[in-house]
Amino acid sequence: SPMDLLTNLPALLWYYLVTNMISLLLYGWDKLCAVTHRTRISERSLHLSALASGGLGALLGQFLFRHKIRKPSFFLIALLSLFAHGALMLVT
């Protein structure tokens, strides 16, 4: 119900803020590791971070760090996650 959404809004907003920040940081760290030839974050982990509602953070990470921009699957998964979670927020 709409009242439940309003009651839980702060926790939900914190969840989205934290998951998107984690996703953004993962992209930044993976880019740093790529440039410095260190152990990388798996592509699966980057995809999962976007799917866990970090779509916006993943998209920002791709463009801010110019990372994974040649792989369309990263853009598509992050964008679909962003839209899916946005739609969920609207119907909840």
Protein backbone atom coordinates (compact mmCIF):
# COMPACT_ATOMS: atom_id res chain seq x y z
CA SER A 1 0.00 0.00 0.00
CA PRO A 2 1.11 3.61 -0.42
CA MET A 3 1.41 4.04 3.37
CA ASP A 4 3.86 1.12 3.58
CA LEU A 5 6.02 2.73 0.90
CA LEU A 6 6.08 6.03 2.78
CA THR A 7 6.90 4.27 6.05
CA ASN A 8 9.78 2.34 4.49
CA LEU A 9 11.02 5.08 2.18
CA PRO A 10 14.12 6.05 4.17
CA ALA A 11 15.36 2.46 4.37
CA LEU A 12 14.66 1.94 0.68
CA LEU A 13 16.47 5.13 -0.25
CA TRP A 14 19.45 4.11 1.87
CA TYR A 15 19.48 0.73 0.15
CA TYR A 16 19.57 2.32 -3.30
CA LEU A 17 22.17 4.88 -2.26
CA VAL A 18 24.47 2.25 -0.77
CA THR A 19 24.12 -0.29 -3.60
CA ASN A 20 24.71 2.35 -6.25
CA MET A 21 27.75 3.71 -4.41
CA ILE A 22 29.15 0.18 -4.14
CA SER A 23 28.60 -0.36 -7.84
CA LEU A 24 30.28 2.93 -8.72
CA LEU A 25 33.25 2.12 -6.48
CA LEU A 26 33.57 -1.38 -7.96
CA TYR A 27 33.83 0.09 -11.47
CA GLY A 28 36.42 2.61 -10.30
CA TRP A 29 38.46 -0.05 -8.51
CA ASP A 30 38.30 -2.42 -11.49
CA LYS A 31 39.48 0.35 -13.81
CA LEU A 32 42.39 1.11 -11.49
CA CYS A 33 43.27 -2.59 -11.38
CA ALA A 34 43.08 -2.81 -15.17
CA VAL A 35 45.46 0.12 -15.62
CA THR A 36 47.92 -1.08 -12.97
CA HIS A 37 47.79 -4.75 -14.04
CA ARG A 38 46.40 -6.04 -10.75
CA THR A 39 43.81 -8.70 -10.04
CA ARG A 40 40.49 -7.58 -11.50
CA ILE A 41 36.92 -7.73 -10.28
CA SER A 42 35.04 -10.41 -12.21
CA GLU A 43 32.61 -9.33 -14.88
CA ARG A 44 29.99 -11.41 -13.10
CA SER A 45 30.46 -9.35 -9.92
CA LEU A 46 30.12 -6.11 -11.86
CA HIS A 47 26.91 -7.37 -13.46
CA LEU A 48 25.55 -8.53 -10.10
CA SER A 49 26.25 -5.15 -8.54
CA ALA A 50 24.16 -3.51 -11.25
CA LEU A 51 21.36 -6.04 -10.87
CA ALA A 52 21.25 -5.54 -7.10
CA SER A 53 19.85 -2.09 -7.97
CA GLY A 54 23.17 -0.48 -8.59
CA GLY A 55 22.22 0.33 -12.18
CA LEU A 56 22.77 4.04 -11.82
CA GLY A 57 26.10 3.56 -10.05
CA ALA A 58 27.20 1.13 -12.77
CA LEU A 59 26.27 3.55 -15.54
CA LEU A 60 28.04 6.42 -13.79
CA GLY A 61 31.10 4.22 -13.25
CA GLN A 62 31.19 3.26 -16.91
CA PHE A 63 31.16 6.85 -18.06
CA LEU A 64 33.18 8.52 -15.28
CA PHE A 65 35.99 5.97 -15.48
CA ARG A 66 35.50 5.17 -19.19
CA HIS A 67 35.37 1.54 -18.17
CA LYS A 68 33.59 -1.35 -19.92
CA ILE A 69 32.15 1.05 -22.47
CA ARG A 70 33.10 -1.19 -25.40
CA LYS A 71 31.07 -4.08 -24.02
CA PRO A 72 27.38 -3.49 -24.74
CA SER A 73 26.25 -6.09 -22.19
CA PHE A 74 27.47 -3.87 -19.34
CA PHE A 75 25.49 -0.88 -20.54
CA LEU A 76 22.38 -2.95 -21.25
CA ILE A 77 22.36 -4.79 -17.92
CA ALA A 78 22.88 -1.57 -15.97
CA LEU A 79 20.20 0.25 -17.95
CA LEU A 80 17.69 -2.61 -17.63
CA SER A 81 18.39 -2.79 -13.90
CA LEU A 82 17.83 0.93 -13.54
CA PHE A 83 14.49 0.77 -15.38
CA ALA A 84 13.36 -2.40 -13.62
CA HIS A 85 14.02 -1.00 -10.16
CA GLY A 86 12.44 2.30 -11.14
CA ALA A 87 9.30 0.48 -12.30
CA LEU A 88 9.24 -1.52 -9.07
CA MET A 89 9.36 1.70 -7.07
CA LEU A 90 6.44 3.07 -9.05
CA VAL A 91 4.17 0.06 -8.55
CA THR A 92 5.08 -0.53 -4.91
